[in-house]
PDB file of N, CA and C in Angstrom:
ATOM      1  N   MET A   1     -43.811   4.756   5.097  1.00  0.00           N
ATOM      2  CA  MET A   1     -43.807   3.307   5.177  1.00  0.00           C
ATOM      3  C   MET A   1     -43.396   2.905   6.593  1.00  0.00           C
ATOM      4  N   ASN A   2     -44.095   1.995   7.187  1.00  0.00           N
ATOM      5  CA  ASN A   2     -43.791   1.503   8.527  1.00  0.00           C
ATOM      6  C   ASN A   2     -43.144   0.129   8.409  1.00  0.00           C
ATOM      7  N   VAL A   3     -41.944  -0.001   8.921  1.00  0.00           N
ATOM      8  CA  VAL A   3     -41.210  -1.254   8.820  1.00  0.00           C
ATOM      9  C   VAL A   3     -41.917  -2.358   9.605  1.00  0.00           C
ATOM     10  N   ASN A   4     -42.520  -2.031  10.704  1.00  0.00           N
ATOM     11  CA  ASN A   4     -43.180  -3.018  11.552  1.00  0.00           C
ATOM     12  C   ASN A   4     -44.379  -3.673  10.872  1.00  0.00           C
ATOM     13  N   ASP A   5     -44.962  -3.048   9.863  1.00  0.00           N
ATOM     14  CA  ASP A   5     -46.113  -3.625   9.160  1.00  0.00           C
ATOM     15  C   ASP A   5     -45.779  -4.974   8.540  1.00  0.00           C
ATOM     16  N   SER A   6     -44.544  -5.118   8.018  1.00  0.00           N
ATOM     17  CA  SER A   6     -44.179  -6.371   7.354  1.00  0.00           C
ATOM     18  C   SER A   6     -43.848  -7.477   8.356  1.00  0.00           C
ATOM     19  N   LEU A   7     -43.720  -7.176   9.637  1.00  0.00           N
ATOM     20  CA  LEU A   7     -43.376  -8.169  10.645  1.00  0.00           C
ATOM     21  C   LEU A   7     -44.601  -8.838  11.264  1.00  0.00           C
ATOM     22  N   GLN A   8     -45.794  -8.393  10.914  1.00  0.00           N
ATOM     23  CA  GLN A   8     -46.995  -8.899  11.564  1.00  0.00           C
ATOM     24  C   GLN A   8     -47.267 -10.364  11.264  1.00  0.00           C
ATOM     25  N   GLY A   9     -46.883 -10.872  10.101  1.00  0.00           N
ATOM     26  CA  GLY A   9     -47.179 -12.254   9.755  1.00  0.00           C
ATOM     27  C   GLY A   9     -46.146 -13.251  10.231  1.00  0.00           C
ATOM     28  N   ILE A  10     -45.079 -12.820  10.872  1.00  0.00           N
ATOM     29  CA  ILE A  10     -44.003 -13.721  11.301  1.00  0.00           C
ATOM     30  C   ILE A  10     -44.379 -14.332  12.643  1.00  0.00           C
ATOM     31  N   PRO A  11     -44.354 -15.681  12.759  1.00  0.00           N
ATOM     32  CA  PRO A  11     -44.712 -16.323  14.031  1.00  0.00           C
ATOM     33  C   PRO A  11     -43.617 -16.142  15.067  1.00  0.00           C
ATOM     34  N   GLU A  12     -43.974 -16.210  16.340  1.00  0.00           N
ATOM     35  CA  GLU A  12     -43.022 -16.126  17.442  1.00  0.00           C
ATOM     36  C   GLU A  12     -42.171 -17.391  17.464  1.00  0.00           C
ATOM     37  N   PRO A  13     -40.892 -17.313  17.853  1.00  0.00           N
ATOM     38  CA  PRO A  13     -40.047 -18.507  17.920  1.00  0.00           C
ATOM     39  C   PRO A  13     -40.571 -19.486  18.970  1.00  0.00           C
ATOM     40  N   GLN A  14     -40.500 -20.763  18.659  1.00  0.00           N
ATOM     41  CA  GLN A  14     -40.986 -21.817  19.546  1.00  0.00           C
ATOM     42  C   GLN A  14     -39.897 -22.218  20.542  1.00  0.00           C
ATOM     43  N   GLY A  15     -40.228 -22.393  21.797  1.00  0.00           N
ATOM     44  CA  GLY A  15     -39.321 -22.921  22.801  1.00  0.00           C
ATOM     45  C   GLY A  15     -38.316 -21.939  23.339  1.00  0.00           C
ATOM     46  N   VAL A  16     -38.424 -20.666  23.002  1.00  0.00           N
ATOM     47  CA  VAL A  16     -37.488 -19.666  23.526  1.00  0.00           C
ATOM     48  C   VAL A  16     -38.258 -18.799  24.491  1.00  0.00           C
ATOM     49  N   SER A  17     -37.909 -18.882  25.754  1.00  0.00           N
ATOM     50  CA  SER A  17     -38.608 -18.073  26.744  1.00  0.00           C
ATOM     51  C   SER A  17     -37.826 -16.804  27.076  1.00  0.00           C
ATOM     52  N   GLU A  18     -36.501 -16.916  27.168  1.00  0.00           N
ATOM     53  CA  GLU A  18     -35.663 -15.750  27.437  1.00  0.00           C
ATOM     54  C   GLU A  18     -34.215 -16.107  27.108  1.00  0.00           C
ATOM     55  N   ALA A  19     -33.426 -15.111  26.934  1.00  0.00           N
ATOM     56  CA  ALA A  19     -32.009 -15.339  26.666  1.00  0.00           C
ATOM     57  C   ALA A  19     -31.309 -15.691  27.959  1.00  0.00           C
ATOM     58  N   SER A  20     -30.418 -16.655  27.913  1.00  0.00           N
ATOM     59  CA  SER A  20     -29.714 -17.041  29.128  1.00  0.00           C
ATOM     60  C   SER A  20     -28.418 -16.246  29.233  1.00  0.00           C
ATOM     61  N   PRO A  21     -28.106 -15.743  30.413  1.00  0.00           N
ATOM     62  CA  PRO A  21     -26.869 -14.980  30.589  1.00  0.00           C
ATOM     63  C   PRO A  21     -25.652 -15.901  30.561  1.00  0.00           C
ATOM     64  N   VAL A  22     -24.502 -15.327  30.309  1.00  0.00           N
ATOM     65  CA  VAL A  22     -23.255 -16.080  30.327  1.00  0.00           C
ATOM     66  C   VAL A  22     -22.912 -16.370  31.776  1.00  0.00           C
ATOM     67  N   SER A  23     -22.632 -17.619  32.060  1.00  0.00           N
ATOM     68  CA  SER A  23     -22.314 -17.981  33.443  1.00  0.00           C
ATOM     69  C   SER A  23     -20.938 -17.451  33.820  1.00  0.00           C
ATOM     70  N   ALA A  24     -20.672 -17.392  35.115  1.00  0.00           N
ATOM     71  CA  ALA A  24     -19.385 -16.906  35.617  1.00  0.00           C
ATOM     72  C   ALA A  24     -18.239 -17.778  35.126  1.00  0.00           C
ATOM     73  N   ILE A  25     -18.484 -19.096  35.003  1.00  0.00           N
ATOM     74  CA  ILE A  25     -17.438 -20.019  34.541  1.00  0.00           C
ATOM     75  C   ILE A  25     -17.105 -19.738  33.074  1.00  0.00           C
ATOM     76  N   GLN A  26     -18.135 -19.560  32.248  1.00  0.00           N
ATOM     77  CA  GLN A  26     -17.886 -19.261  30.840  1.00  0.00           C
ATOM     78  C   GLN A  26     -17.143 -17.937  30.694  1.00  0.00           C
ATOM     79  N   ARG A  27     -17.550 -16.930  31.476  1.00  0.00           N
ATOM     80  CA  ARG A  27     -16.914 -15.615  31.411  1.00  0.00           C
ATOM     81  C   ARG A  27     -15.449 -15.733  31.825  1.00  0.00           C
ATOM     82  N   GLN A  28     -15.140 -16.520  32.855  1.00  0.00           N
ATOM     83  CA  GLN A  28     -13.768 -16.691  33.324  1.00  0.00           C
ATOM     84  C   GLN A  28     -12.924 -17.390  32.258  1.00  0.00           C
ATOM     85  N   GLN A  29     -13.484 -18.412  31.604  1.00  0.00           N
ATOM     86  CA  GLN A  29     -12.745 -19.117  30.558  1.00  0.00           C
ATOM     87  C   GLN A  29     -12.459 -18.191  29.387  1.00  0.00           C
ATOM     88  N   GLN A  30     -13.437 -17.391  28.997  1.00  0.00           N
ATOM     89  CA  GLN A  30     -13.230 -16.465  27.896  1.00  0.00           C
ATOM     90  C   GLN A  30     -12.147 -15.450  28.247  1.00  0.00           C
ATOM     91  N   THR A  31     -12.185 -14.933  29.471  1.00  0.00           N
ATOM     92  CA  THR A  31     -11.190 -13.950  29.908  1.00  0.00           C
ATOM     93  C   THR A  31      -9.800 -14.560  29.956  1.00  0.00           C
ATOM     94  N   SER A  32      -9.679 -15.784  30.492  1.00  0.00           N
ATOM     95  CA  SER A  32      -8.361 -16.401  30.587  1.00  0.00           C
ATOM     96  C   SER A  32      -7.825 -16.755  29.198  1.00  0.00           C
ATOM     97  N   ASN A  33      -8.697 -17.174  28.273  1.00  0.00           N
ATOM     98  CA  ASN A  33      -8.249 -17.451  26.904  1.00  0.00           C
ATOM     99  C   ASN A  33      -7.725 -16.190  26.242  1.00  0.00           C
ATOM    100  N   PHE A  34      -8.432 -15.086  26.452  1.00  0.00           N
ATOM    101  CA  PHE A  34      -8.000 -13.818  25.879  1.00  0.00           C
ATOM    102  C   PHE A  34      -6.667 -13.385  26.477  1.00  0.00           C
ATOM    103  N   ALA A  35      -6.534 -13.498  27.791  1.00  0.00           N
ATOM    104  CA  ALA A  35      -5.303 -13.084  28.466  1.00  0.00           C
ATOM    105  C   ALA A  35      -4.129 -13.939  28.015  1.00  0.00           C
ATOM    106  N   ALA A  36      -4.345 -15.234  27.839  1.00  0.00           N
ATOM    107  CA  ALA A  36      -3.262 -16.115  27.403  1.00  0.00           C
ATOM    108  C   ALA A  36      -2.824 -15.761  25.988  1.00  0.00           C
ATOM    109  N   THR A  37      -3.787 -15.441  25.142  1.00  0.00           N
ATOM    110  CA  THR A  37      -3.456 -15.075  23.764  1.00  0.00           C
ATOM    111  C   THR A  37      -2.735 -13.739  23.732  1.00  0.00           C
ATOM    112  N   ALA A  38      -3.214 -12.786  24.531  1.00  0.00           N
ATOM    113  CA  ALA A  38      -2.648 -11.440  24.502  1.00  0.00           C
ATOM    114  C   ALA A  38      -1.251 -11.387  25.097  1.00  0.00           C
ATOM    115  N   SER A  39      -0.992 -12.113  26.167  1.00  0.00           N
ATOM    116  CA  SER A  39       0.308 -12.003  26.813  1.00  0.00           C
ATOM    117  C   SER A  39       1.264 -13.129  26.438  1.00  0.00           C
ATOM    118  N   GLY A  40       0.753 -14.252  25.977  1.00  0.00           N
ATOM    119  CA  GLY A  40       1.601 -15.404  25.699  1.00  0.00           C
ATOM    120  C   GLY A  40       2.442 -15.243  24.458  1.00  0.00           C
ATOM    121  N   GLY A  41       1.875 -14.727  23.408  1.00  0.00           N
ATOM    122  CA  GLY A  41       2.619 -14.576  22.167  1.00  0.00           C
ATOM    123  C   GLY A  41       3.092 -13.151  22.007  1.00  0.00           C
ATOM    124  N   GLN A  42       4.193 -12.988  21.310  1.00  0.00           N
ATOM    125  CA  GLN A  42       4.710 -11.660  21.069  1.00  0.00           C
ATOM    126  C   GLN A  42       4.715 -11.415  19.571  1.00  0.00           C
ATOM    127  N   ASP A  43       4.124 -10.315  19.138  1.00  0.00           N
ATOM    128  CA  ASP A  43       4.103  -9.990  17.726  1.00  0.00           C
ATOM    129  C   ASP A  43       5.467  -9.491  17.293  1.00  0.00           C
ATOM    130  N   SER A  44       5.835  -9.842  16.091  1.00  0.00           N
ATOM    131  CA  SER A  44       7.085  -9.331  15.554  1.00  0.00           C
ATOM    132  C   SER A  44       6.949  -9.213  14.044  1.00  0.00           C
ATOM    133  N   THR A  45       7.766  -8.372  13.480  1.00  0.00           N
ATOM    134  CA  THR A  45       7.794  -8.213  12.026  1.00  0.00           C
ATOM    135  C   THR A  45       9.228  -8.255  11.552  1.00  0.00           C
ATOM    136  N   GLU A  46       9.395  -8.707  10.346  1.00  0.00           N
ATOM    137  CA  GLU A  46      10.704  -8.706   9.709  1.00  0.00           C
ATOM    138  C   GLU A  46      10.550  -8.058   8.351  1.00  0.00           C
ATOM    139  N   VAL A  47      11.448  -7.159   8.043  1.00  0.00           N
ATOM    140  CA  VAL A  47      11.405  -6.460   6.772  1.00  0.00           C
ATOM    141  C   VAL A  47      12.405  -7.123   5.838  1.00  0.00           C
ATOM    142  N   SER A  48      11.925  -7.489   4.659  1.00  0.00           N
ATOM    143  CA  SER A  48      12.813  -8.138   3.698  1.00  0.00           C
ATOM    144  C   SER A  48      13.815  -7.138   3.144  1.00  0.00           C
ATOM    145  N   THR A  49      14.853  -7.647   2.542  1.00  0.00           N
ATOM    146  CA  THR A  49      15.861  -6.790   1.929  1.00  0.00           C
ATOM    147  C   THR A  49      15.248  -5.952   0.826  1.00  0.00           C
ATOM    148  N   ALA A  50      14.358  -6.554   0.036  1.00  0.00           N
ATOM    149  CA  ALA A  50      13.708  -5.813  -1.050  1.00  0.00           C
ATOM    150  C   ALA A  50      12.864  -4.665  -0.512  1.00  0.00           C
ATOM    151  N   ALA A  51      12.146  -4.911   0.575  1.00  0.00           N
ATOM    152  CA  ALA A  51      11.324  -3.857   1.170  1.00  0.00           C
ATOM    153  C   ALA A  51      12.202  -2.750   1.737  1.00  0.00           C
ATOM    154  N   SER A  52      13.310  -3.129   2.333  1.00  0.00           N
ATOM    155  CA  SER A  52      14.230  -2.138   2.881  1.00  0.00           C
ATOM    156  C   SER A  52      14.817  -1.272   1.768  1.00  0.00           C
ATOM    157  N   LEU A  53      15.203  -1.896   0.668  1.00  0.00           N
ATOM    158  CA  LEU A  53      15.748  -1.144  -0.469  1.00  0.00           C
ATOM    159  C   LEU A  53      14.686  -0.250  -1.098  1.00  0.00           C
ATOM    160  N   ALA A  54      13.460  -0.743  -1.180  1.00  0.00           N
ATOM    161  CA  ALA A  54      12.366   0.058  -1.730  1.00  0.00           C
ATOM    162  C   ALA A  54      12.128   1.285  -0.859  1.00  0.00           C
ATOM    163  N   HIS A  55      12.192   1.097   0.462  1.00  0.00           N
ATOM    164  CA  HIS A  55      12.014   2.225   1.378  1.00  0.00           C
ATOM    165  C   HIS A  55      13.127   3.255   1.186  1.00  0.00           C
ATOM    166  N   GLN A  56      14.354   2.792   1.027  1.00  0.00           N
ATOM    167  CA  GLN A  56      15.478   3.700   0.813  1.00  0.00           C
ATOM    168  C   GLN A  56      15.342   4.442  -0.511  1.00  0.00           C
ATOM    169  N   ALA A  57      14.867   3.730  -1.546  1.00  0.00           N
ATOM    170  CA  ALA A  57      14.705   4.358  -2.852  1.00  0.00           C
ATOM    171  C   ALA A  57      13.621   5.429  -2.824  1.00  0.00           C
ATOM    172  N   MET A  58      12.591   5.205  -2.025  1.00  0.00           N
ATOM    173  CA  MET A  58      11.519   6.190  -1.936  1.00  0.00           C
ATOM    174  C   MET A  58      11.982   7.452  -1.213  1.00  0.00           C
ATOM    175  N   ALA A  59      13.022   7.341  -0.410  1.00  0.00           N
ATOM    176  CA  ALA A  59      13.530   8.501   0.311  1.00  0.00           C
ATOM    177  C   ALA A  59      14.338   9.422  -0.596  1.00  0.00           C
ATOM    178  N   VAL A  60      14.840   8.914  -1.722  1.00  0.00           N
ATOM    179  CA  VAL A  60      15.611   9.711  -2.664  1.00  0.00           C
ATOM    180  C   VAL A  60      14.629  10.489  -3.539  1.00  0.00           C
ATOM    181  N   PRO A  61      14.835  11.780  -3.713  1.00  0.00           N
ATOM    182  CA  PRO A  61      13.906  12.557  -4.547  1.00  0.00           C
ATOM    183  C   PRO A  61      13.942  12.094  -6.004  1.00  0.00           C
ATOM    184  N   ASP A  62      12.787  12.206  -6.671  1.00  0.00           N
ATOM    185  CA  ASP A  62      12.690  11.793  -8.067  1.00  0.00           C
ATOM    186  C   ASP A  62      13.488  12.708  -8.990  1.00  0.00           C
ATOM    187  N   VAL A  63      13.630  13.950  -8.609  1.00  0.00           N
ATOM    188  CA  VAL A  63      14.324  14.926  -9.442  1.00  0.00           C
ATOM    189  C   VAL A  63      15.587  15.367  -8.726  1.00  0.00           C
ATOM    190  N   ARG A  64      16.693  15.213  -9.412  1.00  0.00           N
ATOM    191  CA  ARG A  64      17.969  15.686  -8.852  1.00  0.00           C
ATOM    192  C   ARG A  64      18.148  17.134  -9.277  1.00  0.00           C
ATOM    193  N   MET A  65      17.828  18.025  -8.358  1.00  0.00           N
ATOM    194  CA  MET A  65      17.801  19.449  -8.668  1.00  0.00           C
ATOM    195  C   MET A  65      19.172  19.989  -9.071  1.00  0.00           C
ATOM    196  N   ASP A  66      20.251  19.374  -8.588  1.00  0.00           N
ATOM    197  CA  ASP A  66      21.579  19.837  -8.991  1.00  0.00           C
ATOM    198  C   ASP A  66      21.798  19.617 -10.485  1.00  0.00           C
ATOM    199  N   LYS A  67      21.320  18.470 -10.991  1.00  0.00           N
ATOM    200  CA  LYS A  67      21.445  18.187 -12.424  1.00  0.00           C
ATOM    201  C   LYS A  67      20.552  19.117 -13.238  1.00  0.00           C
ATOM    202  N   VAL A  68      19.340  19.357 -12.761  1.00  0.00           N
ATOM    203  CA  VAL A  68      18.411  20.246 -13.453  1.00  0.00           C
ATOM    204  C   VAL A  68      18.986  21.650 -13.528  1.00  0.00           C
ATOM    205  N   ALA A  69      19.536  22.132 -12.424  1.00  0.00           N
ATOM    206  CA  ALA A  69      20.115  23.471 -12.397  1.00  0.00           C
ATOM    207  C   ALA A  69      21.291  23.586 -13.368  1.00  0.00           C
ATOM    208  N   ALA A  70      22.110  22.544 -13.443  1.00  0.00           N
ATOM    209  CA  ALA A  70      23.255  22.568 -14.362  1.00  0.00           C
ATOM    210  C   ALA A  70      22.790  22.621 -15.811  1.00  0.00           C
ATOM    211  N   VAL A  71      21.780  21.856 -16.169  1.00  0.00           N
ATOM    212  CA  VAL A  71      21.266  21.867 -17.544  1.00  0.00           C
ATOM    213  C   VAL A  71      20.611  23.210 -17.839  1.00  0.00           C
ATOM    214  N   GLN A  72      19.851  23.751 -16.898  1.00  0.00           N
ATOM    215  CA  GLN A  72      19.221  25.058 -17.098  1.00  0.00           C
ATOM    216  C   GLN A  72      20.273  26.139 -17.324  1.00  0.00           C
ATOM    217  N   GLN A  73      21.344  26.080 -16.556  1.00  0.00           N
ATOM    218  CA  GLN A  73      22.422  27.064 -16.711  1.00  0.00           C
ATOM    219  C   GLN A  73      23.090  26.926 -18.073  1.00  0.00           C
ATOM    220  N   ALA A  74      23.340  25.678 -18.498  1.00  0.00           N
ATOM    221  CA  ALA A  74      23.959  25.453 -19.810  1.00  0.00           C
ATOM    222  C   ALA A  74      23.049  25.928 -20.928  1.00  0.00           C
ATOM    223  N   LEU A  75      21.744  25.702 -20.798  1.00  0.00           N
ATOM    224  CA  LEU A  75      20.800  26.186 -21.806  1.00  0.00           C
ATOM    225  C   LEU A  75      20.792  27.707 -21.859  1.00  0.00           C
ATOM    226  N   ALA A  76      20.792  28.342 -20.676  1.00  0.00           N
ATOM    227  CA  ALA A  76      20.777  29.802 -20.614  1.00  0.00           C
ATOM    228  C   ALA A  76      22.050  30.399 -21.212  1.00  0.00           C
ATOM    229  N   ASN A  77      23.177  29.724 -21.006  1.00  0.00           N
ATOM    230  CA  ASN A  77      24.461  30.207 -21.533  1.00  0.00           C
ATOM    231  C   ASN A  77      24.661  29.861 -23.001  1.00  0.00           C
ATOM    232  N   GLY A  78      23.852  28.946 -23.517  1.00  0.00           N
ATOM    233  CA  GLY A  78      24.030  28.504 -24.890  1.00  0.00           C
ATOM    234  C   GLY A  78      25.141  27.486 -25.037  1.00  0.00           C
ATOM    235  N   THR A  79      25.521  26.842 -23.948  1.00  0.00           N
ATOM    236  CA  THR A  79      26.628  25.885 -23.987  1.00  0.00           C
ATOM    237  C   THR A  79      26.157  24.437 -23.910  1.00  0.00           C
ATOM    238  N   TYR A  80      24.852  24.207 -23.868  1.00  0.00           N
ATOM    239  CA  TYR A  80      24.332  22.831 -23.792  1.00  0.00           C
ATOM    240  C   TYR A  80      24.440  22.205 -25.172  1.00  0.00           C
ATOM    241  N   GLN A  81      25.175  21.134 -25.276  1.00  0.00           N
ATOM    242  CA  GLN A  81      25.436  20.484 -26.560  1.00  0.00           C
ATOM    243  C   GLN A  81      24.891  19.057 -26.556  1.00  0.00           C
ATOM    244  N   VAL A  82      24.145  18.713 -27.579  1.00  0.00           N
ATOM    245  CA  VAL A  82      23.662  17.353 -27.782  1.00  0.00           C
ATOM    246  C   VAL A  82      24.061  16.962 -29.192  1.00  0.00           C
ATOM    247  N   SER A  83      24.653  15.782 -29.333  1.00  0.00           N
ATOM    248  CA  SER A  83      25.100  15.365 -30.659  1.00  0.00           C
ATOM    249  C   SER A  83      23.902  15.001 -31.527  1.00  0.00           C
ATOM    250  N   ALA A  84      24.050  15.200 -32.819  1.00  0.00           N
ATOM    251  CA  ALA A  84      22.987  14.872 -33.763  1.00  0.00           C
ATOM    252  C   ALA A  84      22.701  13.371 -33.740  1.00  0.00           C
ATOM    253  N   GLY A  85      23.723  12.558 -33.501  1.00  0.00           N
ATOM    254  CA  GLY A  85      23.542  11.109 -33.428  1.00  0.00           C
ATOM    255  C   GLY A  85      22.664  10.705 -32.249  1.00  0.00           C
ATOM    256  N   ASP A  86      22.877  11.363 -31.105  1.00  0.00           N
ATOM    257  CA  ASP A  86      22.040  11.082 -29.933  1.00  0.00           C
ATOM    258  C   ASP A  86      20.582  11.459 -30.184  1.00  0.00           C
ATOM    259  N   VAL A  87      20.368  12.589 -30.837  1.00  0.00           N
ATOM    260  CA  VAL A  87      18.997  13.020 -31.157  1.00  0.00           C
ATOM    261  C   VAL A  87      18.353  12.021 -32.109  1.00  0.00           C
ATOM    262  N   ALA A  88      19.094  11.593 -33.123  1.00  0.00           N
ATOM    263  CA  ALA A  88      18.563  10.627 -34.087  1.00  0.00           C
ATOM    264  C   ALA A  88      18.233   9.295 -33.410  1.00  0.00           C
ATOM    265  N   ASP A  89      19.117   8.839 -32.521  1.00  0.00           N
ATOM    266  CA  ASP A  89      18.861   7.585 -31.787  1.00  0.00           C
ATOM    267  C   ASP A  89      17.579   7.680 -30.964  1.00  0.00           C
ATOM    268  N   LYS A  90      17.405   8.783 -30.266  1.00  0.00           N
ATOM    269  CA  LYS A  90      16.203   8.956 -29.446  1.00  0.00           C
ATOM    270  C   LYS A  90      14.946   9.012 -30.307  1.00  0.00           C
ATOM    271  N   LEU A  91      15.032   9.677 -31.443  1.00  0.00           N
ATOM    272  CA  LEU A  91      13.875   9.729 -32.351  1.00  0.00           C
ATOM    273  C   LEU A  91      13.498   8.331 -32.835  1.00  0.00           C
ATOM    274  N   LEU A  92      14.493   7.542 -33.222  1.00  0.00           N
ATOM    275  CA  LEU A  92      14.227   6.179 -33.681  1.00  0.00           C
ATOM    276  C   LEU A  92      13.666   5.310 -32.557  1.00  0.00           C
ATOM    277  N   GLN A  93      14.211   5.460 -31.358  1.00  0.00           N
ATOM    278  CA  GLN A  93      13.696   4.702 -30.211  1.00  0.00           C
ATOM    279  C   GLN A  93      12.232   5.022 -29.967  1.00  0.00           C
ATOM    280  N   GLN A  94      11.885   6.288 -30.039  1.00  0.00           N
ATOM    281  CA  GLN A  94      10.501   6.686 -29.797  1.00  0.00           C
ATOM    282  C   GLN A  94       9.570   6.163 -30.891  1.00  0.00           C
ATOM    283  N   MET A  95      10.042   6.181 -32.124  1.00  0.00           N
ATOM    284  CA  MET A  95       9.184   5.754 -33.235  1.00  0.00           C
ATOM    285  C   MET A  95       9.029   4.232 -33.293  1.00  0.00           C
ATOM    286  N   THR A  96      10.089   3.510 -32.961  1.00  0.00           N
ATOM    287  CA  THR A  96      10.028   2.041 -33.076  1.00  0.00           C
ATOM    288  C   THR A  96       9.758   1.346 -31.752  1.00  0.00           C
ATOM    289  N   GLY A  97       9.966   2.043 -30.649  1.00  0.00           N
ATOM    290  CA  GLY A  97       9.770   1.432 -29.340  1.00  0.00           C
ATOM    291  C   GLY A  97      10.871   0.473 -28.971  1.00  0.00           C
ATOM    292  N   THR A  98      12.028   0.619 -29.587  1.00  0.00           N
ATOM    293  CA  THR A  98      13.165  -0.263 -29.287  1.00  0.00           C
ATOM    294  C   THR A  98      14.331   0.539 -28.766  1.00  0.00           C
ATOM    295  N   GLN A  99      15.273  -0.144 -28.184  1.00  0.00           N
ATOM    296  CA  GLN A  99      16.477   0.475 -27.642  1.00  0.00           C
ATOM    297  C   GLN A  99      17.593   0.309 -28.672  1.00  0.00           C
ATOM    298  N   MET A 100      18.245   1.401 -29.031  1.00  0.00           N
ATOM    299  CA  MET A 100      19.359   1.347 -29.981  1.00  0.00           C
ATOM    300  C   MET A 100      20.627   0.988 -29.204  1.00  0.00           C
ATOM    301  N   THR A 101      21.422   0.077 -29.748  1.00  0.00           N
ATOM    302  CA  THR A 101      22.635  -0.360 -29.062  1.00  0.00           C
ATOM    303  C   THR A 101      23.857  -0.058 -29.897  1.00  0.00           C
ATOM    304  N   GLY A 102      24.142   1.220 -30.079  1.00  0.00           N
ATOM    305  CA  GLY A 102      25.306   1.594 -30.872  1.00  0.00           C
ATOM    306  C   GLY A 102      26.501   1.943 -30.030  1.00  0.00           C
ATOM    307  N   LYS A 103      26.321   2.187 -28.771  1.00  0.00           N
ATOM    308  CA  LYS A 103      27.435   2.648 -27.943  1.00  0.00           C
ATOM    309  C   LYS A 103      27.757   1.685 -26.860  1.00  0.00           C
TER     310      LYS A 103
END
């Protein structure tokens, strides 16, 4: 398929003989406007307290390996104890989707 085939029926634009170049005055105005914008204002940013706290929270690891190691050691030793009441509360929370407030 030749793309130029579909352009054959389009008439030439009327009254356009050639593109006019940008004059030296226009070019100078554009350059000075750009320079004034670039050097006149100074960019700055401010970080909100919430953003700062979020950044700090992201720096803390999701898993506290010291706690994991302690539980693993207790499990290996057979000394890890969970009360039957705590297990029952968690089971009920999971089944009902609510938080138990007994303690």
